Amino acid sequence: MQLRKNISVSEFSWLLSLPDSIEIVCSTSAQGKLCTQVSATCINYTDYETQHKRRSFTFQFHPELLEDLREFNKSGMPSYEKLKNDDGLRMLIRVIYESITD
Protein backbone atom coordinates (compact mmCIF):
# COMPACT_ATOMS: atom_id res chain seq x y z
CA MET A 1 0.00 0.00 0.00
CA GLN A 2 2.89 2.36 0.77
CA LEU A 3 4.25 1.81 -2.74
CA ARG A 4 0.88 2.81 -4.26
CA LYS A 5 0.90 6.00 -2.17
CA ASN A 6 4.45 6.83 -3.29
CA ILE A 7 3.53 6.29 -6.92
CA SER A 8 0.35 8.38 -6.61
CA VAL A 9 2.34 11.50 -5.65
CA SER A 10 5.14 10.96 -8.15
CA GLU A 11 5.55 11.69 -11.83
CA PHE A 12 4.52 8.06 -12.44
CA SER A 13 0.99 8.49 -11.08
CA TRP A 14 -0.40 7.79 -14.55
CA LEU A 15 0.54 4.11 -13.99
CA LEU A 16 -2.35 3.80 -11.54
CA SER A 17 -4.81 4.58 -14.37
CA LEU A 18 -3.72 1.69 -16.57
CA PRO A 19 -6.11 -1.22 -17.14
CA ASP A 20 -5.93 -4.31 -14.93
CA SER A 21 -6.49 -6.65 -17.85
CA ILE A 22 -7.61 -6.91 -21.43
CA GLU A 23 -9.71 -9.90 -22.42
CA ILE A 24 -10.81 -11.09 -25.85
CA VAL A 25 -14.48 -11.84 -25.23
CA CYS A 26 -15.32 -13.08 -28.70
CA SER A 27 -13.91 -13.51 -32.17
CA THR A 28 -14.82 -15.38 -35.29
CA SER A 29 -13.18 -18.49 -36.59
CA ALA A 30 -12.87 -19.85 -40.08
CA GLN A 31 -11.81 -23.40 -40.87
CA GLY A 32 -10.79 -23.92 -37.23
CA LYS A 33 -8.52 -20.85 -37.10
CA LEU A 34 -9.24 -17.71 -35.10
CA CYS A 35 -9.64 -14.56 -37.16
CA THR A 36 -10.86 -11.04 -36.51
CA GLN A 37 -13.63 -10.59 -39.03
CA VAL A 38 -15.68 -9.87 -35.92
CA SER A 39 -14.12 -9.49 -32.49
CA ALA A 40 -14.57 -7.71 -29.18
CA THR A 41 -12.34 -7.04 -26.20
CA CYS A 42 -13.13 -6.05 -22.64
CA ILE A 43 -10.71 -3.65 -20.93
CA ASN A 44 -10.94 -3.82 -17.13
CA TYR A 45 -10.00 -1.00 -14.75
CA THR A 46 -10.06 -0.92 -10.94
CA ASP A 47 -10.03 2.15 -8.73
CA TYR A 48 -7.91 0.83 -5.87
CA GLU A 49 -9.20 3.35 -3.34
CA THR A 50 -12.91 2.61 -3.86
CA GLN A 51 -12.54 -0.88 -5.38
CA HIS A 52 -14.96 0.29 -8.08
CA LYS A 53 -14.51 -1.69 -11.30
CA ARG A 54 -15.10 -0.20 -14.73
CA ARG A 55 -15.11 -1.96 -18.09
CA SER A 56 -14.75 -0.66 -21.61
CA PHE A 57 -15.46 -2.67 -24.73
CA THR A 58 -13.90 -2.45 -28.16
CA PHE A 59 -15.43 -3.87 -31.32
CA GLN A 60 -14.20 -4.78 -34.74
CA PHE A 61 -16.50 -5.87 -37.50
CA HIS A 62 -16.80 -5.45 -41.19
CA PRO A 63 -19.80 -3.76 -42.80
CA GLU A 64 -20.32 -6.54 -45.31
CA LEU A 65 -21.73 -8.72 -42.53
CA LEU A 66 -25.47 -8.89 -43.02
CA GLU A 67 -25.07 -6.19 -45.65
CA ASP A 68 -28.62 -6.88 -46.82
CA LEU A 69 -29.85 -5.29 -43.57
CA ARG A 70 -29.04 -1.95 -45.16
CA GLU A 71 -31.88 -2.78 -47.50
CA PHE A 72 -34.09 -4.07 -44.70
CA ASN A 73 -37.21 -2.64 -46.24
CA LYS A 74 -36.52 -4.83 -49.30
CA SER A 75 -35.10 -7.96 -47.65
CA GLY A 76 -37.63 -8.29 -44.82
CA MET A 77 -37.00 -9.88 -41.45
CA PRO A 78 -34.03 -12.29 -41.51
CA SER A 79 -34.68 -15.87 -40.44
CA TYR A 80 -33.88 -17.02 -36.93
CA GLU A 81 -31.25 -19.38 -38.36
CA LYS A 82 -29.51 -16.52 -40.16
CA LEU A 83 -29.50 -14.33 -37.06
CA LYS A 84 -28.33 -17.21 -34.84
CA ASN A 85 -25.32 -17.79 -37.08
CA ASP A 86 -24.44 -14.15 -37.73
CA ASP A 87 -21.10 -13.22 -36.17
CA GLY A 88 -22.04 -9.58 -35.59
CA LEU A 89 -25.19 -10.44 -33.64
CA ARG A 90 -23.42 -13.15 -31.68
CA MET A 91 -20.76 -10.58 -30.76
CA LEU A 92 -23.41 -8.15 -29.57
CA ILE A 93 -25.05 -10.78 -27.36
CA ARG A 94 -21.69 -11.84 -25.93
CA VAL A 95 -20.76 -8.25 -25.05
CA ILE A 96 -24.16 -7.61 -23.47
CA TYR A 97 -23.67 -10.73 -21.38
CA GLU A 98 -20.14 -9.67 -20.35
CA SER A 99 -21.30 -6.18 -19.44
CA ILE A 100 -24.00 -7.37 -17.04
CA THR A 101 -21.96 -10.05 -15.26
CA ASP A 102 -19.00 -9.66 -12.92
PDB file of N, CA and C in Angstrom:
ATOM      1  N   MET A   1       0.825  -1.193   0.000  1.00  0.00           N
ATOM      2  CA  MET A   1       0.000   0.000   0.000  1.00  0.00           C
ATOM      3  C   MET A   1       0.869   1.256   0.000  1.00  0.00           C
ATOM      4  N   GLN A   2       1.985   1.214   0.721  1.00  0.00           N
ATOM      5  CA  GLN A   2       2.890   2.360   0.768  1.00  0.00           C
ATOM      6  C   GLN A   2       3.438   2.665  -0.619  1.00  0.00           C
ATOM      7  N   LEU A   3       3.736   1.621  -1.386  1.00  0.00           N
ATOM      8  CA  LEU A   3       4.249   1.813  -2.743  1.00  0.00           C
ATOM      9  C   LEU A   3       3.222   2.546  -3.610  1.00  0.00           C
ATOM     10  N   ARG A   4       1.950   2.152  -3.493  1.00  0.00           N
ATOM     11  CA  ARG A   4       0.884   2.811  -4.259  1.00  0.00           C
ATOM     12  C   ARG A   4       0.800   4.290  -3.897  1.00  0.00           C
ATOM     13  N   LYS A   5       0.943   4.599  -2.617  1.00  0.00           N
ATOM     14  CA  LYS A   5       0.905   6.004  -2.167  1.00  0.00           C
ATOM     15  C   LYS A   5       2.089   6.772  -2.750  1.00  0.00           C
ATOM     16  N   ASN A   6       3.271   6.168  -2.730  1.00  0.00           N
ATOM     17  CA  ASN A   6       4.450   6.826  -3.289  1.00  0.00           C
ATOM     18  C   ASN A   6       4.298   7.075  -4.784  1.00  0.00           C
ATOM     19  N   ILE A   7       3.750   6.117  -5.477  1.00  0.00           N
ATOM     20  CA  ILE A   7       3.529   6.286  -6.917  1.00  0.00           C
ATOM     21  C   ILE A   7       2.499   7.386  -7.181  1.00  0.00           C
ATOM     22  N   SER A   8       1.439   7.421  -6.362  1.00  0.00           N
ATOM     23  CA  SER A   8       0.355   8.383  -6.607  1.00  0.00           C
ATOM     24  C   SER A   8       0.792   9.840  -6.502  1.00  0.00           C
ATOM     25  N   VAL A   9       1.863  10.118  -5.782  1.00  0.00           N
ATOM     26  CA  VAL A   9       2.344  11.495  -5.647  1.00  0.00           C
ATOM     27  C   VAL A   9       3.611  11.740  -6.459  1.00  0.00           C
ATOM     28  N   SER A  10       3.941  10.808  -7.338  1.00  0.00           N
ATOM     29  CA  SER A  10       5.142  10.957  -8.152  1.00  0.00           C
ATOM     30  C   SER A  10       4.766  11.275  -9.600  1.00  0.00           C
ATOM     31  N   GLU A  11       5.780  11.451 -10.410  1.00  0.00           N
ATOM     32  CA  GLU A  11       5.548  11.688 -11.833  1.00  0.00           C
ATOM     33  C   GLU A  11       5.026  10.443 -12.543  1.00  0.00           C
ATOM     34  N   PHE A  12       5.011   9.312 -11.855  1.00  0.00           N
ATOM     35  CA  PHE A  12       4.517   8.062 -12.437  1.00  0.00           C
ATOM     36  C   PHE A  12       3.083   7.749 -12.027  1.00  0.00           C
ATOM     37  N   SER A  13       2.365   8.720 -11.540  1.00  0.00           N
ATOM     38  CA  SER A  13       0.988   8.489 -11.075  1.00  0.00           C
ATOM     39  C   SER A  13       0.071   7.973 -12.190  1.00  0.00           C
ATOM     40  N   TRP A  14       0.397   8.268 -13.425  1.00  0.00           N
ATOM     41  CA  TRP A  14      -0.401   7.788 -14.553  1.00  0.00           C
ATOM     42  C   TRP A  14      -0.447   6.262 -14.597  1.00  0.00           C
ATOM     43  N   LEU A  15       0.531   5.573 -14.005  1.00  0.00           N
ATOM     44  CA  LEU A  15       0.543   4.109 -13.993  1.00  0.00           C
ATOM     45  C   LEU A  15      -0.685   3.545 -13.276  1.00  0.00           C
ATOM     46  N   LEU A  16      -1.205   4.274 -12.299  1.00  0.00           N
ATOM     47  CA  LEU A  16      -2.355   3.796 -11.544  1.00  0.00           C
ATOM     48  C   LEU A  16      -3.646   3.845 -12.353  1.00  0.00           C
ATOM     49  N   SER A  17      -3.621   4.500 -13.512  1.00  0.00           N
ATOM     50  CA  SER A  17      -4.806   4.583 -14.370  1.00  0.00           C
ATOM     51  C   SER A  17      -4.822   3.525 -15.473  1.00  0.00           C
ATOM     52  N   LEU A  18      -3.787   2.721 -15.532  1.00  0.00           N
ATOM     53  CA  LEU A  18      -3.719   1.689 -16.569  1.00  0.00           C
ATOM     54  C   LEU A  18      -4.731   0.579 -16.295  1.00  0.00           C
ATOM     55  N   PRO A  19      -5.159  -0.116 -17.338  1.00  0.00           N
ATOM     56  CA  PRO A  19      -6.108  -1.222 -17.138  1.00  0.00           C
ATOM     57  C   PRO A  19      -5.484  -2.364 -16.343  1.00  0.00           C
ATOM     58  N   ASP A  20      -6.359  -3.096 -15.640  1.00  0.00           N
ATOM     59  CA  ASP A  20      -5.934  -4.311 -14.934  1.00  0.00           C
ATOM     60  C   ASP A  20      -5.686  -5.447 -15.919  1.00  0.00           C
ATOM     61  N   SER A  21      -6.583  -5.548 -16.889  1.00  0.00           N
ATOM     62  CA  SER A  21      -6.492  -6.651 -17.847  1.00  0.00           C
ATOM     63  C   SER A  21      -7.246  -6.301 -19.122  1.00  0.00           C
ATOM     64  N   ILE A  22      -6.899  -7.009 -20.158  1.00  0.00           N
ATOM     65  CA  ILE A  22      -7.607  -6.911 -21.434  1.00  0.00           C
ATOM     66  C   ILE A  22      -7.953  -8.333 -21.835  1.00  0.00           C
ATOM     67  N   GLU A  23      -9.228  -8.552 -22.133  1.00  0.00           N
ATOM     68  CA  GLU A  23      -9.714  -9.895 -22.417  1.00  0.00           C
ATOM     69  C   GLU A  23     -10.393  -9.917 -23.786  1.00  0.00           C
ATOM     70  N   ILE A  24     -10.084 -10.896 -24.598  1.00  0.00           N
ATOM     71  CA  ILE A  24     -10.814 -11.090 -25.849  1.00  0.00           C
ATOM     72  C   ILE A  24     -12.079 -11.853 -25.485  1.00  0.00           C
ATOM     73  N   VAL A  25     -13.232 -11.195 -25.640  1.00  0.00           N
ATOM     74  CA  VAL A  25     -14.484 -11.843 -25.230  1.00  0.00           C
ATOM     75  C   VAL A  25     -15.137 -12.611 -26.363  1.00  0.00           C
ATOM     76  N   CYS A  26     -14.809 -12.286 -27.589  1.00  0.00           N
ATOM     77  CA  CYS A  26     -15.319 -13.082 -28.701  1.00  0.00           C
ATOM     78  C   CYS A  26     -14.551 -12.737 -29.971  1.00  0.00           C
ATOM     79  N   SER A  27     -14.482 -13.712 -30.845  1.00  0.00           N
ATOM     80  CA  SER A  27     -13.906 -13.507 -32.168  1.00  0.00           C
ATOM     81  C   SER A  27     -14.423 -14.611 -33.074  1.00  0.00           C
ATOM     82  N   THR A  28     -14.344 -14.381 -34.346  1.00  0.00           N
ATOM     83  CA  THR A  28     -14.818 -15.380 -35.288  1.00  0.00           C
ATOM     84  C   THR A  28     -13.728 -16.392 -35.580  1.00  0.00           C
ATOM     85  N   SER A  29     -14.150 -17.495 -36.136  1.00  0.00           N
ATOM     86  CA  SER A  29     -13.180 -18.489 -36.587  1.00  0.00           C
ATOM     87  C   SER A  29     -13.598 -18.958 -37.976  1.00  0.00           C
ATOM     88  N   ALA A  30     -12.623 -19.334 -38.738  1.00  0.00           N
ATOM     89  CA  ALA A  30     -12.874 -19.850 -40.083  1.00  0.00           C
ATOM     90  C   ALA A  30     -11.966 -21.046 -40.284  1.00  0.00           C
ATOM     91  N   GLN A  31     -12.553 -22.163 -40.634  1.00  0.00           N
ATOM     92  CA  GLN A  31     -11.810 -23.403 -40.872  1.00  0.00           C
ATOM     93  C   GLN A  31     -10.944 -23.765 -39.664  1.00  0.00           C
ATOM     94  N   GLY A  32     -11.487 -23.551 -38.454  1.00  0.00           N
ATOM     95  CA  GLY A  32     -10.789 -23.917 -37.233  1.00  0.00           C
ATOM     96  C   GLY A  32      -9.727 -22.943 -36.766  1.00  0.00           C
ATOM     97  N   LYS A  33      -9.522 -21.838 -37.478  1.00  0.00           N
ATOM     98  CA  LYS A  33      -8.517 -20.849 -37.097  1.00  0.00           C
ATOM     99  C   LYS A  33      -9.217 -19.577 -36.639  1.00  0.00           C
ATOM    100  N   LEU A  34      -8.685 -18.974 -35.559  1.00  0.00           N
ATOM    101  CA  LEU A  34      -9.243 -17.712 -35.096  1.00  0.00           C
ATOM    102  C   LEU A  34      -8.920 -16.600 -36.087  1.00  0.00           C
ATOM    103  N   CYS A  35      -9.862 -15.721 -36.301  1.00  0.00           N
ATOM    104  CA  CYS A  35      -9.641 -14.557 -37.159  1.00  0.00           C
ATOM    105  C   CYS A  35     -10.395 -13.382 -36.550  1.00  0.00           C
ATOM    106  N   THR A  36     -10.235 -12.230 -37.105  1.00  0.00           N
ATOM    107  CA  THR A  36     -10.864 -11.042 -36.514  1.00  0.00           C
ATOM    108  C   THR A  36     -11.838 -10.376 -37.477  1.00  0.00           C
ATOM    109  N   GLN A  37     -12.583 -11.182 -38.207  1.00  0.00           N
ATOM    110  CA  GLN A  37     -13.627 -10.589 -39.032  1.00  0.00           C
ATOM    111  C   GLN A  37     -14.605  -9.857 -38.115  1.00  0.00           C
ATOM    112  N   VAL A  38     -14.900 -10.484 -36.983  1.00  0.00           N
ATOM    113  CA  VAL A  38     -15.684  -9.871 -35.919  1.00  0.00           C
ATOM    114  C   VAL A  38     -14.980 -10.213 -34.619  1.00  0.00           C
ATOM    115  N   SER A  39     -14.725  -9.215 -33.796  1.00  0.00           N
ATOM    116  CA  SER A  39     -14.117  -9.492 -32.491  1.00  0.00           C
ATOM    117  C   SER A  39     -14.472  -8.387 -31.514  1.00  0.00           C
ATOM    118  N   ALA A  40     -14.322  -8.705 -30.235  1.00  0.00           N
ATOM    119  CA  ALA A  40     -14.573  -7.712 -29.183  1.00  0.00           C
ATOM    120  C   ALA A  40     -13.619  -7.983 -28.034  1.00  0.00           C
ATOM    121  N   THR A  41     -13.176  -6.913 -27.395  1.00  0.00           N
ATOM    122  CA  THR A  41     -12.343  -7.043 -26.203  1.00  0.00           C
ATOM    123  C   THR A  41     -13.000  -6.291 -25.061  1.00  0.00           C
ATOM    124  N   CYS A  42     -12.678  -6.721 -23.862  1.00  0.00           N
ATOM    125  CA  CYS A  42     -13.126  -6.052 -22.643  1.00  0.00           C
ATOM    126  C   CYS A  42     -11.878  -5.547 -21.929  1.00  0.00           C
ATOM    127  N   ILE A  43     -11.842  -4.256 -21.636  1.00  0.00           N
ATOM    128  CA  ILE A  43     -10.713  -3.646 -20.933  1.00  0.00           C
ATOM    129  C   ILE A  43     -11.193  -3.338 -19.519  1.00  0.00           C
ATOM    130  N   ASN A  44     -10.531  -3.934 -18.526  1.00  0.00           N
ATOM    131  CA  ASN A  44     -10.944  -3.818 -17.127  1.00  0.00           C
ATOM    132  C   ASN A  44     -10.058  -2.844 -16.367  1.00  0.00           C
ATOM    133  N   TYR A  45     -10.698  -1.970 -15.588  1.00  0.00           N
ATOM    134  CA  TYR A  45     -10.001  -0.998 -14.747  1.00  0.00           C
ATOM    135  C   TYR A  45     -10.508  -1.149 -13.314  1.00  0.00           C
ATOM    136  N   THR A  46      -9.645  -0.914 -12.338  1.00  0.00           N
ATOM    137  CA  THR A  46     -10.055  -0.918 -10.940  1.00  0.00           C
ATOM    138  C   THR A  46      -9.538   0.345 -10.269  1.00  0.00           C
ATOM    139  N   ASP A  47     -10.429   1.035  -9.578  1.00  0.00           N
ATOM    140  CA  ASP A  47     -10.030   2.149  -8.727  1.00  0.00           C
ATOM    141  C   ASP A  47      -9.655   1.529  -7.388  1.00  0.00           C
ATOM    142  N   TYR A  48      -8.378   1.538  -7.047  1.00  0.00           N
ATOM    143  CA  TYR A  48      -7.909   0.825  -5.869  1.00  0.00           C
ATOM    144  C   TYR A  48      -8.350   1.461  -4.553  1.00  0.00           C
ATOM    145  N   GLU A  49      -8.724   2.714  -4.578  1.00  0.00           N
ATOM    146  CA  GLU A  49      -9.197   3.348  -3.345  1.00  0.00           C
ATOM    147  C   GLU A  49     -10.634   2.945  -3.040  1.00  0.00           C
ATOM    148  N   THR A  50     -11.487   2.937  -4.064  1.00  0.00           N
ATOM    149  CA  THR A  50     -12.907   2.613  -3.855  1.00  0.00           C
ATOM    150  C   THR A  50     -13.243   1.170  -4.210  1.00  0.00           C
ATOM    151  N   GLN A  51     -12.331   0.479  -4.871  1.00  0.00           N
ATOM    152  CA  GLN A  51     -12.538  -0.877  -5.384  1.00  0.00           C
ATOM    153  C   GLN A  51     -13.636  -0.931  -6.457  1.00  0.00           C
ATOM    154  N   HIS A  52     -13.985   0.234  -7.006  1.00  0.00           N
ATOM    155  CA  HIS A  52     -14.960   0.293  -8.085  1.00  0.00           C
ATOM    156  C   HIS A  52     -14.314  -0.233  -9.365  1.00  0.00           C
ATOM    157  N   LYS A  53     -15.017  -1.121 -10.051  1.00  0.00           N
ATOM    158  CA  LYS A  53     -14.510  -1.685 -11.300  1.00  0.00           C
ATOM    159  C   LYS A  53     -15.255  -1.066 -12.469  1.00  0.00           C
ATOM    160  N   ARG A  54     -14.511  -0.789 -13.521  1.00  0.00           N
ATOM    161  CA  ARG A  54     -15.097  -0.196 -14.732  1.00  0.00           C
ATOM    162  C   ARG A  54     -14.612  -1.024 -15.917  1.00  0.00           C
ATOM    163  N   ARG A  55     -15.484  -1.199 -16.895  1.00  0.00           N
ATOM    164  CA  ARG A  55     -15.113  -1.957 -18.088  1.00  0.00           C
ATOM    165  C   ARG A  55     -15.425  -1.143 -19.335  1.00  0.00           C
ATOM    166  N   SER A  56     -14.535  -1.252 -20.293  1.00  0.00           N
ATOM    167  CA  SER A  56     -14.747  -0.658 -21.611  1.00  0.00           C
ATOM    168  C   SER A  56     -14.677  -1.791 -22.630  1.00  0.00           C
ATOM    169  N   PHE A  57     -15.442  -1.653 -23.695  1.00  0.00           N
ATOM    170  CA  PHE A  57     -15.457  -2.672 -24.735  1.00  0.00           C
ATOM    171  C   PHE A  57     -14.999  -2.070 -26.052  1.00  0.00           C
ATOM    172  N   THR A  58     -14.273  -2.847 -26.803  1.00  0.00           N
ATOM    173  CA  THR A  58     -13.901  -2.452 -28.155  1.00  0.00           C
ATOM    174  C   THR A  58     -14.508  -3.459 -29.120  1.00  0.00           C
ATOM    175  N   PHE A  59     -14.806  -3.020 -30.324  1.00  0.00           N
ATOM    176  CA  PHE A  59     -15.435  -3.873 -31.319  1.00  0.00           C
ATOM    177  C   PHE A  59     -14.718  -3.727 -32.649  1.00  0.00           C
ATOM    178  N   GLN A  60     -14.672  -4.814 -33.362  1.00  0.00           N
ATOM    179  CA  GLN A  60     -14.199  -4.776 -34.741  1.00  0.00           C
ATOM    180  C   GLN A  60     -15.140  -5.644 -35.556  1.00  0.00           C
ATOM    181  N   PHE A  61     -15.683  -5.078 -36.583  1.00  0.00           N
ATOM    182  CA  PHE A  61     -16.498  -5.865 -37.498  1.00  0.00           C
ATOM    183  C   PHE A  61     -16.456  -5.202 -38.860  1.00  0.00           C
ATOM    184  N   HIS A  62     -16.843  -5.950 -39.829  1.00  0.00           N
ATOM    185  CA  HIS A  62     -16.800  -5.448 -41.193  1.00  0.00           C
ATOM    186  C   HIS A  62     -18.217  -5.214 -41.702  1.00  0.00           C
ATOM    187  N   PRO A  63     -18.433  -4.128 -42.397  1.00  0.00           N
ATOM    188  CA  PRO A  63     -19.797  -3.759 -42.798  1.00  0.00           C
ATOM    189  C   PRO A  63     -20.452  -4.728 -43.767  1.00  0.00           C
ATOM    190  N   GLU A  64     -19.686  -5.604 -44.383  1.00  0.00           N
ATOM    191  CA  GLU A  64     -20.324  -6.537 -45.309  1.00  0.00           C
ATOM    192  C   GLU A  64     -21.114  -7.624 -44.592  1.00  0.00           C
ATOM    193  N   LEU A  65     -20.937  -7.754 -43.273  1.00  0.00           N
ATOM    194  CA  LEU A  65     -21.728  -8.723 -42.534  1.00  0.00           C
ATOM    195  C   LEU A  65     -23.186  -8.284 -42.531  1.00  0.00           C
ATOM    196  N   LEU A  66     -24.038  -9.176 -42.902  1.00  0.00           N
ATOM    197  CA  LEU A  66     -25.474  -8.886 -43.024  1.00  0.00           C
ATOM    198  C   LEU A  66     -25.711  -7.588 -43.803  1.00  0.00           C
ATOM    199  N   GLU A  67     -24.963  -7.435 -44.885  1.00  0.00           N
ATOM    200  CA  GLU A  67     -25.075  -6.192 -45.650  1.00  0.00           C
ATOM    201  C   GLU A  67     -26.482  -5.974 -46.182  1.00  0.00           C
ATOM    202  N   ASP A  68     -27.257  -7.056 -46.334  1.00  0.00           N
ATOM    203  CA  ASP A  68     -28.619  -6.877 -46.819  1.00  0.00           C
ATOM    204  C   ASP A  68     -29.510  -6.172 -45.796  1.00  0.00           C
ATOM    205  N   LEU A  69     -29.052  -6.032 -44.540  1.00  0.00           N
ATOM    206  CA  LEU A  69     -29.854  -5.294 -43.568  1.00  0.00           C
ATOM    207  C   LEU A  69     -29.921  -3.812 -43.906  1.00  0.00           C
ATOM    208  N   ARG A  70     -28.960  -3.356 -44.717  1.00  0.00           N
ATOM    209  CA  ARG A  70     -29.036  -1.955 -45.155  1.00  0.00           C
ATOM    210  C   ARG A  70     -30.259  -1.740 -46.035  1.00  0.00           C
ATOM    211  N   GLU A  71     -30.688  -2.807 -46.655  1.00  0.00           N
ATOM    212  CA  GLU A  71     -31.878  -2.776 -47.499  1.00  0.00           C
ATOM    213  C   GLU A  71     -33.007  -3.531 -46.812  1.00  0.00           C
ATOM    214  N   PHE A  72     -33.134  -3.303 -45.499  1.00  0.00           N
ATOM    215  CA  PHE A  72     -34.087  -4.073 -44.696  1.00  0.00           C
ATOM    216  C   PHE A  72     -35.506  -3.970 -45.233  1.00  0.00           C
ATOM    217  N   ASN A  73     -35.851  -2.795 -45.721  1.00  0.00           N
ATOM    218  CA  ASN A  73     -37.211  -2.637 -46.236  1.00  0.00           C
ATOM    219  C   ASN A  73     -37.455  -3.520 -47.459  1.00  0.00           C
ATOM    220  N   LYS A  74     -36.384  -3.946 -48.138  1.00  0.00           N
ATOM    221  CA  LYS A  74     -36.524  -4.830 -49.301  1.00  0.00           C
ATOM    222  C   LYS A  74     -36.338  -6.302 -48.914  1.00  0.00           C
ATOM    223  N   SER A  75     -35.420  -6.566 -47.974  1.00  0.00           N
ATOM    224  CA  SER A  75     -35.102  -7.960 -47.650  1.00  0.00           C
ATOM    225  C   SER A  75     -36.057  -8.573 -46.633  1.00  0.00           C
ATOM    226  N   GLY A  76     -36.736  -7.751 -45.841  1.00  0.00           N
ATOM    227  CA  GLY A  76     -37.629  -8.286 -44.818  1.00  0.00           C
ATOM    228  C   GLY A  76     -36.865  -8.802 -43.614  1.00  0.00           C
ATOM    229  N   MET A  77     -37.600  -9.369 -42.683  1.00  0.00           N
ATOM    230  CA  MET A  77     -37.002  -9.877 -41.448  1.00  0.00           C
ATOM    231  C   MET A  77     -36.141 -11.107 -41.739  1.00  0.00           C
ATOM    232  N   PRO A  78     -34.866 -11.104 -41.293  1.00  0.00           N
ATOM    233  CA  PRO A  78     -34.029 -12.285 -41.514  1.00  0.00           C
ATOM    234  C   PRO A  78     -34.541 -13.479 -40.706  1.00  0.00           C
ATOM    235  N   SER A  79     -34.244 -14.662 -41.149  1.00  0.00           N
ATOM    236  CA  SER A  79     -34.683 -15.867 -40.444  1.00  0.00           C
ATOM    237  C   SER A  79     -33.937 -16.013 -39.125  1.00  0.00           C
ATOM    238  N   TYR A  80     -34.537 -16.751 -38.209  1.00  0.00           N
ATOM    239  CA  TYR A  80     -33.884 -17.015 -36.927  1.00  0.00           C
ATOM    240  C   TYR A  80     -32.547 -17.709 -37.161  1.00  0.00           C
ATOM    241  N   GLU A  81     -32.489 -18.645 -38.073  1.00  0.00           N
ATOM    242  CA  GLU A  81     -31.253 -19.380 -38.356  1.00  0.00           C
ATOM    243  C   GLU A  81     -30.144 -18.438 -38.824  1.00  0.00           C
ATOM    244  N   LYS A  82     -30.502 -17.482 -39.685  1.00  0.00           N
ATOM    245  CA  LYS A  82     -29.507 -16.523 -40.164  1.00  0.00           C
ATOM    246  C   LYS A  82     -28.999 -15.646 -39.027  1.00  0.00           C
ATOM    247  N   LEU A  83     -29.907 -15.164 -38.181  1.00  0.00           N
ATOM    248  CA  LEU A  83     -29.505 -14.330 -37.056  1.00  0.00           C
ATOM    249  C   LEU A  83     -28.668 -15.112 -36.054  1.00  0.00           C
ATOM    250  N   LYS A  84     -29.045 -16.379 -35.805  1.00  0.00           N
ATOM    251  CA  LYS A  84     -28.328 -17.212 -34.841  1.00  0.00           C
ATOM    252  C   LYS A  84     -26.887 -17.449 -35.275  1.00  0.00           C
ATOM    253  N   ASN A  85     -26.657 -17.504 -36.558  1.00  0.00           N
ATOM    254  CA  ASN A  85     -25.321 -17.793 -37.076  1.00  0.00           C
ATOM    255  C   ASN A  85     -24.530 -16.549 -37.466  1.00  0.00           C
ATOM    256  N   ASP A  86     -25.122 -15.377 -37.336  1.00  0.00           N
ATOM    257  CA  ASP A  86     -24.442 -14.150 -37.733  1.00  0.00           C
ATOM    258  C   ASP A  86     -23.420 -13.741 -36.676  1.00  0.00           C
ATOM    259  N   ASP A  87     -22.175 -13.554 -37.097  1.00  0.00           N
ATOM    260  CA  ASP A  87     -21.097 -13.220 -36.169  1.00  0.00           C
ATOM    261  C   ASP A  87     -21.321 -11.889 -35.465  1.00  0.00           C
ATOM    262  N   GLY A  88     -21.823 -10.899 -36.187  1.00  0.00           N
ATOM    263  CA  GLY A  88     -22.037  -9.583 -35.589  1.00  0.00           C
ATOM    264  C   GLY A  88     -23.065  -9.624 -34.473  1.00  0.00           C
ATOM    265  N   LEU A  89     -24.157 -10.336 -34.680  1.00  0.00           N
ATOM    266  CA  LEU A  89     -25.185 -10.437 -33.643  1.00  0.00           C
ATOM    267  C   LEU A  89     -24.716 -11.290 -32.475  1.00  0.00           C
ATOM    268  N   ARG A  90     -23.967 -12.329 -32.759  1.00  0.00           N
ATOM    269  CA  ARG A  90     -23.422 -13.149 -31.684  1.00  0.00           C
ATOM    270  C   ARG A  90     -22.448 -12.326 -30.842  1.00  0.00           C
ATOM    271  N   MET A  91     -21.668 -11.451 -31.490  1.00  0.00           N
ATOM    272  CA  MET A  91     -20.756 -10.581 -30.762  1.00  0.00           C
ATOM    273  C   MET A  91     -21.542  -9.640 -29.849  1.00  0.00           C
ATOM    274  N   LEU A  92     -22.597  -9.064 -30.365  1.00  0.00           N
ATOM    275  CA  LEU A  92     -23.410  -8.146 -29.569  1.00  0.00           C
ATOM    276  C   LEU A  92     -23.962  -8.843 -28.332  1.00  0.00           C
ATOM    277  N   ILE A  93     -24.494 -10.033 -28.493  1.00  0.00           N
ATOM    278  CA  ILE A  93     -25.048 -10.776 -27.362  1.00  0.00           C
ATOM    279  C   ILE A  93     -23.960 -11.104 -26.351  1.00  0.00           C
ATOM    280  N   ARG A  94     -22.789 -11.507 -26.837  1.00  0.00           N
ATOM    281  CA  ARG A  94     -21.686 -11.841 -25.930  1.00  0.00           C
ATOM    282  C   ARG A  94     -21.255 -10.626 -25.113  1.00  0.00           C
ATOM    283  N   VAL A  95     -21.178  -9.464 -25.755  1.00  0.00           N
ATOM    284  CA  VAL A  95     -20.762  -8.248 -25.053  1.00  0.00           C
ATOM    285  C   VAL A  95     -21.832  -7.807 -24.061  1.00  0.00           C
ATOM    286  N   ILE A  96     -23.094  -7.930 -24.423  1.00  0.00           N
ATOM    287  CA  ILE A  96     -24.164  -7.605 -23.473  1.00  0.00           C
ATOM    288  C   ILE A  96     -24.043  -8.505 -22.258  1.00  0.00           C
ATOM    289  N   TYR A  97     -23.827  -9.789 -22.485  1.00  0.00           N
ATOM    290  CA  TYR A  97     -23.673 -10.733 -21.376  1.00  0.00           C
ATOM    291  C   TYR A  97     -22.484 -10.353 -20.492  1.00  0.00           C
ATOM    292  N   GLU A  98     -21.341 -10.048 -21.107  1.00  0.00           N
ATOM    293  CA  GLU A  98     -20.139  -9.671 -20.350  1.00  0.00           C
ATOM    294  C   GLU A  98     -20.339  -8.394 -19.569  1.00  0.00           C
ATOM    295  N   SER A  99     -21.136  -7.465 -20.108  1.00  0.00           N
ATOM    296  CA  SER A  99     -21.299  -6.177 -19.440  1.00  0.00           C
ATOM    297  C   SER A  99     -22.252  -6.241 -18.244  1.00  0.00           C
ATOM    298  N   ILE A 100     -23.078  -7.279 -18.169  1.00  0.00           N
ATOM    299  CA  ILE A 100     -24.003  -7.365 -17.036  1.00  0.00           C
ATOM    300  C   ILE A 100     -23.576  -8.394 -16.000  1.00  0.00           C
ATOM    301  N   THR A 101     -22.458  -9.072 -16.233  1.00  0.00           N
ATOM    302  CA  THR A 101     -21.956 -10.052 -15.259  1.00  0.00           C
ATOM    303  C   THR A 101     -20.612  -9.574 -14.710  1.00  0.00           C
ATOM    304  N   ASP A 102     -20.296 -10.019 -13.525  1.00  0.00           N
ATOM    305  CA  ASP A 102     -18.999  -9.658 -12.920  1.00  0.00           C
ATOM    306  C   ASP A 102     -17.985 -10.720 -13.164  1.00  0.00           C
TER     307      ASP A 102
END
